[in-house]
Amino acid sequence: MRYRLDNMPLAESMVTTEDVHLFTVIISFFIGIFLTWLGFQGRQIWLTVWSAGLVAASGAYLGFIAWGTH
């Protein structure tokens, strides 16, 4: 969307790409937990392994962000 130079929206009211990225990681964490449980219930080893990897990767990223070393 284009804006006139004198009518630009305020920068602090806009969602940043970091916010969207963090939201995606949080959603991925919970989806991974759900799919891990589903993999156990359905005895699907591939689903359990891949979704546990998703939980580990999302958890590592969230831990990395929480310690503020990004």
N, C-alpha and C. Protein backbone atom coordinates (compact mmCIF):
# COMPACT_ATOMS: atom_id res chain seq x y z
N MET A 1 0.84 -1.17 0.00
CA MET A 1 0.00 0.00 0.00
C MET A 1 0.89 1.23 0.00
N ARG A 2 0.53 2.21 -0.77
CA ARG A 2 1.31 3.44 -0.85
C ARG A 2 0.69 4.52 0.03
N TYR A 3 1.55 5.31 0.62
CA TYR A 3 1.13 6.43 1.45
C TYR A 3 1.75 7.71 0.91
N ARG A 4 1.08 8.79 1.14
CA ARG A 4 1.68 10.09 0.81
C ARG A 4 2.78 10.35 1.83
N LEU A 5 3.76 11.13 1.42
CA LEU A 5 4.88 11.41 2.30
C LEU A 5 4.45 12.12 3.58
N ASP A 6 3.45 12.95 3.51
CA ASP A 6 2.99 13.66 4.69
C ASP A 6 1.95 12.89 5.49
N ASN A 7 1.60 11.69 5.02
CA ASN A 7 0.55 10.92 5.67
C ASN A 7 1.02 9.50 6.00
N MET A 8 2.29 9.34 6.39
CA MET A 8 2.84 8.02 6.70
C MET A 8 2.31 7.55 8.05
N PRO A 9 2.04 6.26 8.19
CA PRO A 9 1.59 5.75 9.50
C PRO A 9 2.74 5.79 10.50
N LEU A 10 2.40 5.82 11.76
CA LEU A 10 3.43 5.86 12.80
C LEU A 10 4.14 4.52 12.87
N ALA A 11 5.44 4.56 13.01
CA ALA A 11 6.25 3.34 13.01
C ALA A 11 5.98 2.48 14.24
N GLU A 12 5.71 3.08 15.39
CA GLU A 12 5.50 2.28 16.60
C GLU A 12 4.16 1.54 16.61
N SER A 13 3.24 1.90 15.75
CA SER A 13 1.95 1.23 15.71
C SER A 13 1.94 0.06 14.73
N MET A 14 3.03 -0.13 13.98
CA MET A 14 3.07 -1.19 12.98
C MET A 14 3.68 -2.46 13.58
N VAL A 15 3.27 -3.58 13.05
CA VAL A 15 3.83 -4.86 13.46
C VAL A 15 5.14 -5.06 12.71
N THR A 16 6.17 -5.46 13.45
CA THR A 16 7.47 -5.65 12.82
C THR A 16 7.64 -7.11 12.38
N THR A 17 8.63 -7.34 11.58
CA THR A 17 8.90 -8.71 11.14
C THR A 17 9.38 -9.57 12.30
N GLU A 18 10.03 -8.96 13.29
CA GLU A 18 10.45 -9.72 14.47
C GLU A 18 9.25 -10.22 15.26
N ASP A 19 8.18 -9.41 15.32
CA ASP A 19 6.97 -9.82 16.01
C ASP A 19 6.32 -11.01 15.31
N VAL A 20 6.26 -10.95 14.00
CA VAL A 20 5.66 -12.04 13.22
C VAL A 20 6.50 -13.30 13.35
N HIS A 21 7.82 -13.15 13.34
CA HIS A 21 8.71 -14.30 13.49
C HIS A 21 8.53 -14.95 14.85
N LEU A 22 8.46 -14.16 15.91
CA LEU A 22 8.26 -14.69 17.26
C LEU A 22 6.91 -15.39 17.37
N PHE A 23 5.87 -14.82 16.80
CA PHE A 23 4.56 -15.44 16.82
C PHE A 23 4.59 -16.80 16.10
N THR A 24 5.29 -16.87 14.98
CA THR A 24 5.41 -18.11 14.23
C THR A 24 6.13 -19.17 15.04
N VAL A 25 7.17 -18.79 15.76
CA VAL A 25 7.92 -19.75 16.57
C VAL A 25 7.07 -20.25 17.73
N ILE A 26 6.32 -19.38 18.35
CA ILE A 26 5.46 -19.79 19.46
C ILE A 26 4.37 -20.76 18.97
N ILE A 27 3.75 -20.44 17.85
CA ILE A 27 2.72 -21.33 17.29
C ILE A 27 3.35 -22.67 16.90
N SER A 28 4.55 -22.64 16.33
CA SER A 28 5.24 -23.87 15.94
C SER A 28 5.54 -24.74 17.16
N PHE A 29 5.89 -24.12 18.26
CA PHE A 29 6.16 -24.86 19.49
C PHE A 29 4.93 -25.64 19.94
N PHE A 30 3.78 -24.99 19.97
CA PHE A 30 2.56 -25.66 20.41
C PHE A 30 2.07 -26.70 19.40
N ILE A 31 2.22 -26.41 18.12
CA ILE A 31 1.86 -27.39 17.10
C ILE A 31 2.76 -28.61 17.21
N GLY A 32 4.05 -28.40 17.48
CA GLY A 32 4.98 -29.51 17.66
C GLY A 32 4.61 -30.38 18.84
N ILE A 33 4.21 -29.76 19.94
CA ILE A 33 3.77 -30.54 21.11
C ILE A 33 2.56 -31.39 20.75
N PHE A 34 1.60 -30.78 20.07
CA PHE A 34 0.39 -31.52 19.69
C PHE A 34 0.72 -32.67 18.74
N LEU A 35 1.56 -32.41 17.75
CA LEU A 35 1.91 -33.46 16.79
C LEU A 35 2.75 -34.56 17.42
N THR A 36 3.58 -34.21 18.40
CA THR A 36 4.33 -35.24 19.12
C THR A 36 3.37 -36.17 19.85
N TRP A 37 2.40 -35.60 20.49
CA TRP A 37 1.39 -36.41 21.19
C TRP A 37 0.62 -37.28 20.18
N LEU A 38 0.26 -36.68 19.05
CA LEU A 38 -0.45 -37.43 18.01
C LEU A 38 0.42 -38.57 17.47
N GLY A 39 1.71 -38.34 17.33
CA GLY A 39 2.62 -39.38 16.86
C GLY A 39 2.71 -40.54 17.83
N PHE A 40 2.73 -40.23 19.13
CA PHE A 40 2.73 -41.30 20.13
C PHE A 40 1.43 -42.10 20.09
N GLN A 41 0.32 -41.38 19.99
CA GLN A 41 -0.98 -42.05 19.98
C GLN A 41 -1.16 -42.94 18.75
N GLY A 42 -0.69 -42.48 17.61
CA GLY A 42 -0.85 -43.22 16.37
C GLY A 42 0.31 -44.17 16.07
N ARG A 43 1.29 -44.21 16.98
CA ARG A 43 2.47 -45.06 16.80
C ARG A 43 3.17 -44.78 15.47
N GLN A 44 3.26 -43.51 15.15
CA GLN A 44 3.96 -43.07 13.95
C GLN A 44 5.30 -42.48 14.37
N ILE A 45 6.35 -43.25 14.17
CA ILE A 45 7.67 -42.84 14.63
C ILE A 45 8.15 -41.60 13.88
N TRP A 46 7.92 -41.54 12.57
CA TRP A 46 8.38 -40.39 11.79
C TRP A 46 7.74 -39.10 12.27
N LEU A 47 6.45 -39.15 12.60
CA LEU A 47 5.75 -37.96 13.07
C LEU A 47 6.26 -37.55 14.45
N THR A 48 6.51 -38.52 15.29
CA THR A 48 7.03 -38.24 16.63
C THR A 48 8.41 -37.59 16.55
N VAL A 49 9.27 -38.14 15.69
CA VAL A 49 10.63 -37.61 15.58
C VAL A 49 10.64 -36.20 14.99
N TRP A 50 9.92 -36.00 13.90
CA TRP A 50 9.92 -34.68 13.26
C TRP A 50 9.28 -33.63 14.14
N SER A 51 8.18 -33.96 14.81
CA SER A 51 7.52 -32.96 15.64
C SER A 51 8.31 -32.72 16.93
N ALA A 52 9.01 -33.73 17.45
CA ALA A 52 9.89 -33.49 18.60
C ALA A 52 11.04 -32.58 18.18
N GLY A 53 11.51 -32.73 16.96
CA GLY A 53 12.52 -31.82 16.44
C GLY A 53 12.00 -30.40 16.32
N LEU A 54 10.75 -30.26 15.93
CA LEU A 54 10.13 -28.94 15.85
C LEU A 54 10.03 -28.31 17.23
N VAL A 55 9.65 -29.10 18.22
CA VAL A 55 9.57 -28.60 19.60
C VAL A 55 10.96 -28.19 20.08
N ALA A 56 11.97 -29.01 19.79
CA ALA A 56 13.34 -28.70 20.23
C ALA A 56 13.85 -27.42 19.56
N ALA A 57 13.64 -27.30 18.26
CA ALA A 57 14.12 -26.12 17.55
C ALA A 57 13.39 -24.86 18.01
N SER A 58 12.08 -24.96 18.18
CA SER A 58 11.31 -23.79 18.64
C SER A 58 11.69 -23.43 20.07
N GLY A 59 11.85 -24.44 20.91
CA GLY A 59 12.25 -24.19 22.29
C GLY A 59 13.63 -23.58 22.39
N ALA A 60 14.55 -24.05 21.55
CA ALA A 60 15.90 -23.49 21.54
C ALA A 60 15.86 -22.03 21.11
N TYR A 61 15.07 -21.73 20.10
CA TYR A 61 14.97 -20.35 19.64
C TYR A 61 14.34 -19.46 20.72
N LEU A 62 13.28 -19.95 21.36
CA LEU A 62 12.65 -19.15 22.41
C LEU A 62 13.59 -18.95 23.59
N GLY A 63 14.37 -19.97 23.93
CA GLY A 63 15.36 -19.83 24.98
C GLY A 63 16.44 -18.84 24.59
N PHE A 64 16.84 -18.87 23.34
CA PHE A 64 17.84 -17.95 22.82
C PHE A 64 17.34 -16.51 22.92
N ILE A 65 16.08 -16.31 22.59
CA ILE A 65 15.48 -14.97 22.67
C ILE A 65 15.32 -14.55 24.14
N ALA A 66 14.93 -15.49 25.01
CA ALA A 66 14.70 -15.15 26.41
C ALA A 66 15.98 -14.69 27.11
N TRP A 67 17.09 -15.25 26.71
CA TRP A 67 18.37 -14.85 27.33
C TRP A 67 18.89 -13.57 26.70
N GLY A 68 18.27 -13.12 25.64
CA GLY A 68 18.64 -11.84 25.04
C GLY A 68 19.97 -11.85 24.31
N THR A 69 20.35 -12.99 23.79
CA THR A 69 21.65 -13.07 23.10
C THR A 69 21.47 -13.20 21.59
N HIS A 70 20.39 -12.73 21.07
CA HIS A 70 20.19 -12.82 19.63
C HIS A 70 20.81 -11.63 19.03
